[in-house]
Amino acid sequence: MLLISCAVSGYILLAASDGTPKKLQSLARADSLIAYELAKFNIASQQIRRSSITVDSSFNRKVYRINLSPGFSKTQLHAELNRTFHPLGISTPARVTFPDRQMRIHLEHEGTIVRTLVLNTDPDLAYRRARASIIVVLNEIPGNSLLDKLISFGEPIPVVLPIDYPMQANEFQKSLSGRYDPILFWLQNEEDEDLIQHNPPAARRQLKQLEDILPNARLLLTGGAASADMETIAARTALTFINTRNALRLHEELGKASFSAELNKLKSGISHPIAIVTGNETTLNWLGEKLPDLKKAGVVLVPPPEFDF
């Protein structure tokens, strides 16, 4: 019975997989994967030097010497390399020497070291961090699933709730109190258009009411053709505004590839870029998948800048 059980278990395992584990097809493929991982961490080509060591008459081992800033996490890079190469049957043993904290990572395949990465700390290199902000717009009070997803990110990502009248902001504030923070509001008309932009007189009245009801409220200022008038209107209240005039707009209709490409713009050298994500289960899943990649590239998420006009 035991023999039969083992045989059945083995058959199930074989049936559940294609029986052909991934293998490294060529050392050129290893070099491509190394280059890909280094690019994900925003490591410039000027920081990388390549050389070769003759192992025997038929094999030269390539060595990558990489200079990194003092703030760079070598252990995180090592972990990513291991995650990439382990499924290909390549181990990534590493050794750190002191006091220079140099890390040497070997790519070992079938008992042979095929590549070596030497990670050095260069005190003259500044760790490039890009400060950026992400805002998630929701059409209604989020359910527990969306809130749990946002909380799991562990990032200062405000949620924006559209409001049609000032008392609605107070109701939303009470509903989310203690559940999620921070909350922003977006004053809109019945056609879901920005009220400040499309009906300035009505916006002035509603902002004054909102100031009386919820004086600490923060509102989205989207800008547009009448941006100067909008700032004039905002300046007449004591409310706080988040100016998103030049923000990236991300939504499900973009598709996953374009959504990810837009988020990549947060890595740019532009001063404090902002991305507005129309939030639902799909877009928040895409965002969650992309956040680790942004962090590797040195993007630090911070609350969007506030303006008191």
Protein backbone atom coordinates (compact mmCIF):
# COMPACT_ATOMS: atom_id res chain seq x y z
CA MET A 1 0.00 0.00 0.00
CA LEU A 2 2.84 2.37 0.86
CA LEU A 3 4.52 1.65 -2.47
CA ILE A 4 1.27 2.30 -4.33
CA SER A 5 0.72 5.55 -2.41
CA CYS A 6 4.22 6.77 -3.29
CA ALA A 7 3.71 5.87 -6.94
CA VAL A 8 0.38 7.72 -7.05
CA SER A 9 1.89 10.76 -5.34
CA GLY A 10 4.77 10.79 -7.80
CA TYR A 11 2.37 10.58 -10.73
CA ILE A 12 0.30 13.49 -9.37
CA LEU A 13 3.43 15.64 -8.99
CA LEU A 14 4.52 14.87 -12.54
CA ALA A 15 1.04 15.56 -13.88
CA ALA A 16 0.85 18.87 -12.03
CA SER A 17 4.03 20.11 -13.71
CA ASP A 18 5.43 19.93 -17.19
CA GLY A 19 8.34 17.85 -15.88
CA THR A 20 10.87 20.25 -17.38
CA PRO A 21 12.32 22.53 -14.73
CA LYS A 22 13.82 25.77 -16.00
CA LYS A 23 17.51 25.71 -16.82
CA LEU A 24 20.00 28.37 -17.73
CA GLN A 25 20.29 28.14 -21.51
CA SER A 26 23.48 30.20 -21.84
CA LEU A 27 25.84 32.42 -19.88
CA ALA A 28 24.74 35.30 -22.11
CA ARG A 29 21.30 34.82 -20.57
CA ALA A 30 22.86 35.17 -17.12
CA ASP A 31 24.47 38.45 -18.18
CA SER A 32 21.13 39.73 -19.48
CA LEU A 33 19.43 38.89 -16.19
CA ILE A 34 22.19 40.59 -14.19
CA ALA A 35 21.86 43.73 -16.35
CA TYR A 36 18.09 43.64 -15.89
CA GLU A 37 18.33 43.42 -12.09
CA LEU A 38 20.93 46.21 -11.88
CA ALA A 39 18.73 48.44 -14.05
CA LYS A 40 15.76 47.81 -11.76
CA PHE A 41 17.82 49.18 -8.88
CA ASN A 42 18.64 52.27 -10.94
CA ILE A 43 22.37 51.46 -10.95
CA ALA A 44 24.04 53.54 -13.66
CA SER A 45 26.39 51.95 -16.18
CA GLN A 46 29.18 54.24 -14.92
CA GLN A 47 29.05 52.40 -11.60
CA ILE A 48 29.76 49.02 -13.21
CA ARG A 49 33.12 47.64 -14.38
CA ARG A 50 33.40 44.27 -16.07
CA SER A 51 36.47 42.04 -16.30
CA SER A 52 37.26 38.37 -16.85
CA ILE A 53 39.23 35.77 -14.92
CA THR A 54 40.70 32.82 -16.79
CA VAL A 55 39.60 29.64 -15.02
CA ASP A 56 41.01 27.16 -17.52
CA SER A 57 41.73 26.89 -21.20
CA SER A 58 38.05 26.67 -22.07
CA PHE A 59 36.37 29.00 -19.61
CA ASN A 60 36.62 32.64 -18.50
CA ARG A 61 34.55 33.85 -15.58
CA LYS A 62 33.10 37.33 -15.89
CA VAL A 63 33.37 39.59 -12.83
CA TYR A 64 31.16 42.61 -12.22
CA ARG A 65 32.60 45.27 -9.91
CA ILE A 66 29.82 47.59 -8.85
CA ASN A 67 30.22 50.81 -6.87
CA LEU A 68 27.24 51.66 -4.69
CA SER A 69 26.32 54.58 -2.48
CA PRO A 70 26.55 54.21 1.33
CA GLY A 71 22.76 54.15 1.63
CA PHE A 72 22.24 51.35 -0.88
CA SER A 73 20.96 47.99 0.43
CA LYS A 74 23.32 45.28 -0.84
CA THR A 75 21.31 42.59 0.93
CA GLN A 76 18.19 43.59 -1.00
CA LEU A 77 20.06 43.33 -4.30
CA HIS A 78 21.40 39.92 -3.24
CA ALA A 79 17.89 38.77 -2.38
CA GLU A 80 16.57 39.84 -5.78
CA LEU A 81 19.39 38.10 -7.61
CA ASN A 82 18.67 34.93 -5.67
CA ARG A 83 14.96 35.20 -6.50
CA THR A 84 15.81 35.52 -10.19
CA PHE A 85 18.47 32.83 -10.49
CA HIS A 86 17.29 30.16 -8.04
CA PRO A 87 14.54 28.85 -10.39
CA LEU A 88 17.25 28.38 -13.04
CA GLY A 89 19.24 26.05 -10.84
CA ILE A 90 21.80 28.70 -9.89
CA SER A 91 22.71 29.36 -6.27
CA THR A 92 23.95 32.76 -5.10
CA PRO A 93 26.29 32.32 -2.12
CA ALA A 94 27.60 35.62 -0.76
CA ARG A 95 30.30 36.77 1.59
CA VAL A 96 30.76 40.14 3.30
CA THR A 97 34.19 41.38 4.36
CA PHE A 98 34.82 43.94 7.08
CA PRO A 99 35.48 46.74 7.76
CA ASP A 100 34.89 47.83 4.15
CA ARG A 101 31.58 45.85 4.04
CA GLN A 102 32.35 44.62 0.56
CA MET A 103 29.91 41.94 -0.59
CA ARG A 104 30.99 39.28 -3.07
CA ILE A 105 28.14 37.33 -4.71
CA HIS A 106 28.87 34.22 -6.75
CA LEU A 107 26.52 32.68 -9.27
CA GLU A 108 27.16 28.97 -8.96
CA HIS A 109 25.87 26.48 -11.52
CA GLU A 110 26.44 22.72 -11.17
CA GLY A 111 29.41 23.26 -8.86
CA THR A 112 31.04 25.92 -11.03
CA ILE A 113 31.12 29.66 -10.30
CA VAL A 114 30.02 31.17 -13.61
CA ARG A 115 29.72 34.84 -12.60
CA THR A 116 30.82 37.02 -9.67
CA LEU A 117 29.46 40.36 -8.52
CA VAL A 118 31.63 42.46 -6.22
CA LEU A 119 29.63 45.16 -4.45
CA ASN A 120 31.72 48.04 -3.14
CA THR A 121 30.65 51.07 -1.14
CA ASP A 122 31.72 54.35 -2.70
CA PRO A 123 31.38 57.24 -0.21
CA ASP A 124 31.53 59.74 -3.08
CA LEU A 125 28.29 58.41 -4.56
CA ALA A 126 25.08 60.03 -3.40
CA TYR A 127 22.13 57.69 -3.00
CA ARG A 128 19.60 58.98 -5.48
CA ARG A 129 16.15 59.06 -3.98
CA ALA A 130 13.14 60.34 -5.86
CA ARG A 131 10.42 61.80 -3.66
CA ALA A 132 7.00 61.17 -5.17
CA SER A 133 3.35 60.95 -4.13
CA ILE A 134 0.49 58.62 -5.04
CA ILE A 135 -3.16 59.51 -4.47
CA VAL A 136 -6.02 57.01 -4.84
CA VAL A 137 -9.43 58.32 -5.92
CA LEU A 138 -12.42 56.22 -4.85
CA ASN A 139 -16.00 56.66 -6.05
CA GLU A 140 -17.48 55.79 -2.65
CA ILE A 141 -16.61 54.77 0.88
CA PRO A 142 -14.28 51.79 0.38
CA GLY A 143 -15.13 48.35 1.65
CA ASN A 144 -12.87 46.37 3.97
CA SER A 145 -11.14 44.63 1.05
CA LEU A 146 -9.93 47.87 -0.53
CA LEU A 147 -9.03 49.38 2.83
CA ASP A 148 -7.03 46.30 3.78
CA LYS A 149 -5.19 46.48 0.46
CA LEU A 150 -4.32 50.15 0.97
CA ILE A 151 -3.21 49.53 4.55
CA SER A 152 -1.04 46.59 3.45
CA PHE A 153 1.04 48.93 1.27
CA GLY A 154 2.34 50.63 4.41
CA GLU A 155 2.75 53.89 2.49
CA PRO A 156 1.39 57.43 3.03
CA ILE A 157 -1.14 57.17 0.20
CA PRO A 158 -4.16 59.44 0.73
CA VAL A 159 -7.60 58.45 -0.50
CA VAL A 160 -9.78 60.98 -2.29
CA LEU A 161 -13.57 60.91 -2.02
CA PRO A 162 -15.69 63.02 -4.39
CA ILE A 163 -18.36 65.10 -2.63
CA ASP A 164 -21.45 66.85 -4.01
CA TYR A 165 -22.14 68.99 -0.94
CA PRO A 166 -20.19 70.01 2.21
CA MET A 167 -22.08 67.87 4.74
CA GLN A 168 -21.10 64.78 2.74
CA ALA A 169 -17.46 65.43 3.62
CA ASN A 170 -18.32 65.41 7.31
CA GLU A 171 -20.23 62.14 6.90
CA PHE A 172 -17.33 60.51 5.05
CA GLN A 173 -14.85 61.78 7.64
CA LYS A 174 -16.84 60.17 10.46
CA SER A 175 -17.29 56.93 8.51
CA LEU A 176 -13.55 56.48 7.93
CA SER A 177 -12.38 57.90 11.26
CA GLY A 178 -9.92 55.48 12.83
CA ARG A 179 -10.02 53.22 9.76
CA TYR A 180 -7.85 55.10 7.28
CA ASP A 181 -5.99 58.36 7.10
CA PRO A 182 -5.38 60.73 5.40
CA ILE A 183 -8.58 61.59 3.51
CA LEU A 184 -8.93 64.22 0.82
CA PHE A 185 -12.11 65.52 -0.77
CA TRP A 186 -12.89 66.47 -4.36
CA LEU A 187 -15.74 68.93 -4.82
CA GLN A 188 -17.74 67.93 -7.90
CA ASN A 189 -21.00 68.79 -9.67
CA GLU A 190 -23.79 66.38 -10.65
CA GLU A 191 -21.88 65.42 -13.81
CA ASP A 192 -18.84 64.37 -11.72
CA GLU A 193 -16.87 67.37 -12.97
CA ASP A 194 -14.57 69.52 -10.86
CA LEU A 195 -16.90 72.14 -9.37
CA ILE A 196 -14.20 74.78 -8.84
CA GLN A 197 -13.24 74.56 -12.49
CA HIS A 198 -16.72 74.34 -14.02
CA ASN A 199 -18.82 76.50 -11.70
CA PRO A 200 -16.69 78.98 -9.70
CA PRO A 201 -19.63 80.85 -8.08
CA ALA A 202 -21.16 77.61 -6.75
CA ALA A 203 -17.70 76.44 -5.65
CA ARG A 204 -17.14 79.61 -3.62
CA ARG A 205 -20.40 79.06 -1.75
CA GLN A 206 -19.73 75.40 -1.06
CA LEU A 207 -16.14 76.00 0.04
CA LYS A 208 -17.34 78.59 2.54
CA GLN A 209 -19.87 76.10 3.94
CA LEU A 210 -17.23 73.38 4.06
CA GLU A 211 -14.90 75.71 5.94
CA ASP A 212 -17.60 76.18 8.62
CA ILE A 213 -18.44 72.46 8.84
CA LEU A 214 -14.99 70.87 8.51
CA PRO A 215 -12.29 73.56 8.79
CA ASN A 216 -9.44 71.01 8.67
CA ALA A 217 -10.62 69.48 5.39
CA ARG A 218 -8.11 69.00 2.59
CA LEU A 219 -9.29 69.24 -1.00
CA LEU A 220 -8.00 68.26 -4.40
CA LEU A 221 -7.25 71.14 -6.75
CA THR A 222 -7.04 69.65 -10.23
CA GLY A 223 -6.17 72.74 -12.25
CA GLY A 224 -6.95 73.16 -15.90
CA ALA A 225 -7.72 76.06 -18.20
CA ALA A 226 -9.01 78.27 -15.39
CA SER A 227 -6.25 77.37 -12.92
CA ALA A 228 -5.50 81.01 -12.02
CA ASP A 229 -9.17 81.59 -11.12
CA MET A 230 -9.20 78.35 -9.17
CA GLU A 231 -6.25 79.43 -7.06
CA THR A 232 -7.96 82.76 -6.43
CA ILE A 233 -11.04 80.91 -5.19
CA ALA A 234 -8.92 78.64 -3.01
CA ALA A 235 -7.07 81.60 -1.54
CA ARG A 236 -10.36 83.00 -0.16
CA THR A 237 -10.74 80.10 2.27
CA ALA A 238 -8.67 78.78 5.15
CA LEU A 239 -8.96 75.25 3.77
CA THR A 240 -5.90 73.25 2.67
CA PHE A 241 -5.50 72.17 -0.95
CA ILE A 242 -3.46 69.55 -2.78
CA ASN A 243 -2.52 70.91 -6.19
CA THR A 244 -2.55 68.07 -8.74
CA ARG A 245 -2.53 70.18 -11.90
CA ASN A 246 0.38 68.26 -13.45
CA ALA A 247 -0.35 64.87 -11.90
CA LEU A 248 -0.22 61.59 -13.83
CA ARG A 249 -3.68 60.03 -14.27
CA LEU A 250 -3.82 56.24 -13.99
CA HIS A 251 -6.90 54.06 -14.42
CA GLU A 252 -7.91 50.53 -15.38
CA GLU A 253 -8.65 51.46 -19.01
CA LEU A 254 -4.92 52.02 -19.57
CA GLY A 255 -4.24 48.30 -19.24
CA LYS A 256 -1.63 46.80 -16.95
CA ALA A 257 1.39 47.50 -19.18
CA SER A 258 0.60 51.20 -19.69
CA PHE A 259 -0.39 51.57 -16.04
CA SER A 260 3.03 50.25 -15.02
CA ALA A 261 4.80 52.44 -17.59
CA GLU A 262 3.09 55.55 -16.21
CA LEU A 263 4.16 54.66 -12.67
CA ASN A 264 7.74 54.37 -13.92
CA LYS A 265 7.64 58.13 -14.52
CA LEU A 266 7.79 58.57 -10.74
CA LYS A 267 11.44 57.49 -11.03
CA SER A 268 12.27 60.54 -13.14
CA GLY A 269 14.25 63.55 -11.97
CA ILE A 270 11.13 65.72 -12.09
CA SER A 271 10.66 67.53 -8.79
CA HIS A 272 8.12 65.63 -6.69
CA PRO A 273 5.84 63.99 -9.28
CA ILE A 274 2.29 62.99 -8.27
CA ALA A 275 0.21 60.10 -9.62
CA ILE A 276 -3.58 59.94 -9.22
CA VAL A 277 -4.89 56.38 -9.37
CA THR A 278 -8.59 55.69 -9.92
CA GLY A 279 -8.90 52.98 -7.32
CA ASN A 280 -10.57 49.58 -7.59
CA GLU A 281 -9.52 45.99 -6.94
CA THR A 282 -7.68 45.74 -10.27
CA THR A 283 -5.71 49.00 -10.13
CA LEU A 284 -4.77 48.51 -6.48
CA ASN A 285 -3.47 45.02 -7.31
CA TRP A 286 -1.38 46.51 -10.13
CA LEU A 287 -0.14 49.23 -7.79
CA GLY A 288 0.79 46.67 -5.13
CA GLU A 289 2.81 44.68 -7.68
CA LYS A 290 4.64 47.81 -8.84
CA LEU A 291 5.52 49.36 -5.46
CA PRO A 292 8.53 47.07 -4.75
CA ASP A 293 10.00 47.97 -8.15
CA LEU A 294 9.63 51.69 -7.42
CA LYS A 295 11.34 51.27 -4.05
CA LYS A 296 14.27 49.40 -5.64
CA ALA A 297 14.75 52.35 -7.98
CA GLY A 298 15.00 54.71 -5.02
CA VAL A 299 11.47 56.14 -5.09
CA VAL A 300 10.32 57.28 -1.64
CA LEU A 301 6.59 57.86 -1.29
CA VAL A 302 5.68 60.90 0.79
CA PRO A 303 2.40 62.76 1.42
CA PRO A 304 1.52 65.13 -1.41
CA PRO A 305 2.54 68.74 -0.76
CA GLU A 306 -0.15 70.96 0.73
CA PHE A 307 -0.91 74.51 -0.30
CA ASP A 308 -2.54 77.17 1.85
CA PHE A 309 -3.27 79.83 -0.74
